[in-house]
Amino acid sequence: MSLIHKSVAVTIIGASALAFAGGASARIICNADGDCWHSHDTIVLAPGLHLTEHPDNWRWGSDHHYRWREHSGHGYWDHGAWRKM
C-alpha cells in the first residue's frame, strides 16, 4: 500500500471515529408516566416535572412499564402530550 493510500485510509478511519463519537451524546429521557424518548438537548425542568436521564445504551427490564414516544424537535412528554420548549 502506498503512502497516499495509507494516508487516505487513516483519514477515513479518523473521520468515522469522530462522527461516531459525535453521535454518542444522545441520551434517553423518561418521565414519571413511563414515556421515554431520545434527546440531544438539555431539558430545563418545569416545576413538578420529574424526568430521569439515562445513557443512550440504557434498556429497561421486563418488570418496568416504559414505552417509546419519539418526537422531533425540542421538548418533552408530559402526561401524554408533547410540550415544545
N, C-alpha and C. Protein backbone atom coordinates (compact mmCIF):
# COMPACT_ATOMS: atom_id res chain seq x y z
N MET A 1 0.86 -1.17 0.00
CA MET A 1 0.00 0.00 0.00
C MET A 1 0.91 1.23 0.00
N SER A 2 0.60 2.18 -0.87
CA SER A 2 1.43 3.38 -0.97
C SER A 2 1.14 4.32 0.19
N LEU A 3 2.02 5.28 0.36
CA LEU A 3 1.87 6.26 1.43
C LEU A 3 0.58 7.06 1.27
N ILE A 4 0.21 7.37 0.04
CA ILE A 4 -1.03 8.12 -0.21
C ILE A 4 -2.25 7.28 0.21
N HIS A 5 -2.26 6.02 -0.17
CA HIS A 5 -3.36 5.14 0.20
C HIS A 5 -3.47 4.98 1.72
N LYS A 6 -2.33 4.87 2.39
CA LYS A 6 -2.34 4.77 3.85
C LYS A 6 -2.88 6.04 4.48
N SER A 7 -2.48 7.18 3.96
CA SER A 7 -2.95 8.47 4.49
C SER A 7 -4.46 8.61 4.32
N VAL A 8 -4.97 8.21 3.15
CA VAL A 8 -6.41 8.29 2.90
C VAL A 8 -7.14 7.34 3.85
N ALA A 9 -6.64 6.15 4.03
CA ALA A 9 -7.28 5.18 4.92
C ALA A 9 -7.31 5.69 6.36
N VAL A 10 -6.21 6.25 6.82
CA VAL A 10 -6.15 6.79 8.19
C VAL A 10 -7.13 7.96 8.34
N THR A 11 -7.23 8.81 7.33
CA THR A 11 -8.15 9.94 7.37
C THR A 11 -9.59 9.47 7.45
N ILE A 12 -9.93 8.47 6.65
CA ILE A 12 -11.30 7.94 6.65
C ILE A 12 -11.63 7.31 8.00
N ILE A 13 -10.72 6.54 8.53
CA ILE A 13 -10.94 5.90 9.84
C ILE A 13 -11.09 6.96 10.93
N GLY A 14 -10.25 7.97 10.91
CA GLY A 14 -10.33 9.04 11.91
C GLY A 14 -11.63 9.81 11.82
N ALA A 15 -12.05 10.13 10.59
CA ALA A 15 -13.31 10.87 10.41
C ALA A 15 -14.49 10.03 10.87
N SER A 16 -14.46 8.73 10.59
CA SER A 16 -15.54 7.85 11.03
C SER A 16 -15.61 7.79 12.54
N ALA A 17 -14.47 7.71 13.20
CA ALA A 17 -14.45 7.67 14.67
C ALA A 17 -15.00 8.96 15.25
N LEU A 18 -14.65 10.10 14.67
CA LEU A 18 -15.17 11.38 15.16
C LEU A 18 -16.68 11.47 14.95
N ALA A 19 -17.15 11.02 13.79
CA ALA A 19 -18.59 11.06 13.53
C ALA A 19 -19.34 10.18 14.51
N PHE A 20 -18.80 9.00 14.81
CA PHE A 20 -19.43 8.10 15.76
C PHE A 20 -19.43 8.70 17.16
N ALA A 21 -18.32 9.29 17.56
CA ALA A 21 -18.23 9.88 18.89
C ALA A 21 -19.17 11.06 19.03
N GLY A 22 -19.37 11.82 17.95
CA GLY A 22 -20.28 12.96 18.00
C GLY A 22 -21.72 12.53 18.22
N GLY A 23 -22.10 11.36 17.71
CA GLY A 23 -23.46 10.88 17.89
C GLY A 23 -23.70 10.25 19.25
N ALA A 24 -22.65 10.06 20.03
CA ALA A 24 -22.79 9.38 21.31
C ALA A 24 -23.33 10.29 22.41
N SER A 25 -23.58 11.56 22.09
CA SER A 25 -24.06 12.47 23.12
C SER A 25 -25.56 12.33 23.38
N ALA A 26 -26.24 11.50 22.60
CA ALA A 26 -27.67 11.31 22.83
C ALA A 26 -27.89 10.59 24.16
N ARG A 27 -29.06 10.77 24.69
CA ARG A 27 -29.42 10.09 25.93
C ARG A 27 -30.90 9.77 25.88
N ILE A 28 -31.32 8.92 26.78
CA ILE A 28 -32.72 8.54 26.88
C ILE A 28 -33.32 9.25 28.09
N ILE A 29 -34.44 9.90 27.87
CA ILE A 29 -35.15 10.60 28.93
C ILE A 29 -36.48 9.88 29.15
N CYS A 30 -36.83 9.65 30.40
CA CYS A 30 -38.13 9.03 30.74
C CYS A 30 -38.83 9.91 31.77
N ASN A 31 -40.14 10.01 31.62
CA ASN A 31 -40.91 10.77 32.62
C ASN A 31 -41.59 9.82 33.59
N ALA A 32 -42.27 10.36 34.57
CA ALA A 32 -42.90 9.55 35.61
C ALA A 32 -44.05 8.71 35.07
N ASP A 33 -44.59 9.08 33.89
CA ASP A 33 -45.68 8.32 33.28
C ASP A 33 -45.18 7.11 32.49
N GLY A 34 -43.84 6.97 32.33
CA GLY A 34 -43.28 5.85 31.60
C GLY A 34 -43.00 6.14 30.14
N ASP A 35 -43.16 7.39 29.70
CA ASP A 35 -42.84 7.77 28.33
C ASP A 35 -41.33 8.00 28.23
N CYS A 36 -40.69 7.40 27.24
CA CYS A 36 -39.25 7.56 27.04
C CYS A 36 -38.97 8.02 25.62
N TRP A 37 -37.94 8.84 25.44
CA TRP A 37 -37.57 9.33 24.13
C TRP A 37 -36.09 9.66 24.13
N HIS A 38 -35.52 9.72 22.93
CA HIS A 38 -34.12 10.11 22.79
C HIS A 38 -34.03 11.63 22.77
N SER A 39 -32.96 12.16 23.32
CA SER A 39 -32.76 13.60 23.34
C SER A 39 -31.29 13.93 23.19
N HIS A 40 -31.03 14.98 22.44
CA HIS A 40 -29.68 15.55 22.33
C HIS A 40 -29.63 16.88 23.10
N ASP A 41 -30.78 17.31 23.59
CA ASP A 41 -30.90 18.62 24.22
C ASP A 41 -30.84 18.52 25.74
N THR A 42 -30.45 19.61 26.35
CA THR A 42 -30.55 19.74 27.80
C THR A 42 -31.96 20.24 28.09
N ILE A 43 -32.66 19.55 28.95
CA ILE A 43 -34.03 19.92 29.25
C ILE A 43 -34.08 20.69 30.56
N VAL A 44 -34.68 21.87 30.50
CA VAL A 44 -34.90 22.67 31.70
C VAL A 44 -36.23 22.23 32.27
N LEU A 45 -36.19 21.73 33.48
CA LEU A 45 -37.40 21.16 34.08
C LEU A 45 -38.37 22.22 34.58
N ALA A 46 -39.63 22.00 34.24
CA ALA A 46 -40.69 22.82 34.79
C ALA A 46 -40.96 22.33 36.21
N PRO A 47 -41.45 23.18 37.09
CA PRO A 47 -41.76 22.74 38.45
C PRO A 47 -42.74 21.56 38.44
N GLY A 48 -42.44 20.54 39.22
CA GLY A 48 -43.30 19.38 39.32
C GLY A 48 -43.09 18.33 38.23
N LEU A 49 -42.25 18.60 37.26
CA LEU A 49 -41.97 17.64 36.19
C LEU A 49 -40.80 16.77 36.61
N HIS A 50 -41.01 15.47 36.64
CA HIS A 50 -39.97 14.54 37.07
C HIS A 50 -39.49 13.72 35.88
N LEU A 51 -38.27 13.98 35.45
CA LEU A 51 -37.66 13.26 34.34
C LEU A 51 -36.42 12.52 34.84
N THR A 52 -36.17 11.37 34.25
CA THR A 52 -34.99 10.59 34.56
C THR A 52 -34.15 10.48 33.30
N GLU A 53 -32.87 10.75 33.42
CA GLU A 53 -31.95 10.71 32.29
C GLU A 53 -31.13 9.43 32.35
N HIS A 54 -31.01 8.75 31.21
CA HIS A 54 -30.24 7.51 31.10
C HIS A 54 -29.26 7.63 29.93
N PRO A 55 -28.17 6.86 29.94
CA PRO A 55 -27.27 6.85 28.78
C PRO A 55 -28.00 6.25 27.57
N ASP A 56 -27.49 6.54 26.38
CA ASP A 56 -28.14 6.12 25.14
C ASP A 56 -28.25 4.61 25.01
N ASN A 57 -27.40 3.85 25.67
CA ASN A 57 -27.45 2.39 25.56
C ASN A 57 -28.30 1.74 26.66
N TRP A 58 -29.00 2.54 27.47
CA TRP A 58 -29.83 2.04 28.56
C TRP A 58 -31.03 1.29 28.00
N ARG A 59 -31.41 0.21 28.65
CA ARG A 59 -32.61 -0.56 28.30
C ARG A 59 -33.36 -0.88 29.59
N TRP A 60 -34.66 -0.80 29.53
CA TRP A 60 -35.44 -1.13 30.72
C TRP A 60 -35.64 -2.63 30.82
N GLY A 61 -35.89 -3.10 32.02
CA GLY A 61 -36.10 -4.52 32.27
C GLY A 61 -37.54 -4.93 32.01
N SER A 62 -37.78 -6.22 32.02
CA SER A 62 -39.11 -6.75 31.73
C SER A 62 -40.13 -6.38 32.81
N ASP A 63 -39.66 -6.02 33.99
CA ASP A 63 -40.58 -5.64 35.07
C ASP A 63 -40.91 -4.14 35.07
N HIS A 64 -40.34 -3.39 34.14
CA HIS A 64 -40.62 -1.95 34.04
C HIS A 64 -41.75 -1.72 33.04
N HIS A 65 -42.42 -0.60 33.18
CA HIS A 65 -43.55 -0.28 32.31
C HIS A 65 -43.26 1.03 31.56
N TYR A 66 -42.31 0.95 30.63
CA TYR A 66 -41.96 2.10 29.82
C TYR A 66 -42.44 1.89 28.39
N ARG A 67 -42.51 2.97 27.62
CA ARG A 67 -42.85 2.89 26.21
C ARG A 67 -42.11 4.01 25.46
N TRP A 68 -41.75 3.71 24.21
CA TRP A 68 -41.09 4.72 23.37
C TRP A 68 -42.10 5.70 22.84
N ARG A 69 -41.78 6.97 22.94
CA ARG A 69 -42.63 8.04 22.41
C ARG A 69 -41.72 9.06 21.76
N GLU A 70 -41.13 8.68 20.66
CA GLU A 70 -40.21 9.58 19.97
C GLU A 70 -40.96 10.78 19.41
N HIS A 71 -40.24 11.88 19.27
CA HIS A 71 -40.80 13.10 18.70
C HIS A 71 -39.65 13.96 18.21
N SER A 72 -39.85 14.62 17.10
CA SER A 72 -38.80 15.51 16.61
C SER A 72 -38.98 16.89 17.24
N GLY A 73 -37.90 17.62 17.30
CA GLY A 73 -37.95 18.96 17.84
C GLY A 73 -37.57 19.00 19.31
N HIS A 74 -37.49 20.20 19.85
CA HIS A 74 -37.11 20.42 21.24
C HIS A 74 -38.34 20.36 22.13
N GLY A 75 -38.27 19.55 23.16
CA GLY A 75 -39.39 19.46 24.08
C GLY A 75 -39.32 18.23 24.95
N TYR A 76 -40.49 17.87 25.51
CA TYR A 76 -40.56 16.73 26.41
C TYR A 76 -42.00 16.25 26.47
N TRP A 77 -42.18 14.99 26.87
CA TRP A 77 -43.51 14.41 27.05
C TRP A 77 -43.98 14.72 28.47
N ASP A 78 -45.24 15.16 28.57
CA ASP A 78 -45.83 15.49 29.87
C ASP A 78 -47.29 15.06 29.86
N HIS A 79 -47.61 14.01 30.62
CA HIS A 79 -48.98 13.48 30.70
C HIS A 79 -49.55 13.17 29.31
N GLY A 80 -48.76 12.52 28.48
CA GLY A 80 -49.21 12.08 27.16
C GLY A 80 -49.19 13.13 26.07
N ALA A 81 -48.74 14.33 26.37
CA ALA A 81 -48.70 15.41 25.37
C ALA A 81 -47.27 15.89 25.18
N TRP A 82 -46.90 16.19 23.94
CA TRP A 82 -45.57 16.72 23.65
C TRP A 82 -45.58 18.22 23.92
N ARG A 83 -44.71 18.66 24.79
CA ARG A 83 -44.59 20.09 25.14
C ARG A 83 -43.35 20.65 24.47
N LYS A 84 -43.54 21.64 23.65
CA LYS A 84 -42.41 22.26 22.97
C LYS A 84 -41.66 23.17 23.93
N MET A 85 -40.36 23.23 23.73
CA MET A 85 -39.53 24.12 24.56
C MET A 85 -39.13 25.31 23.73
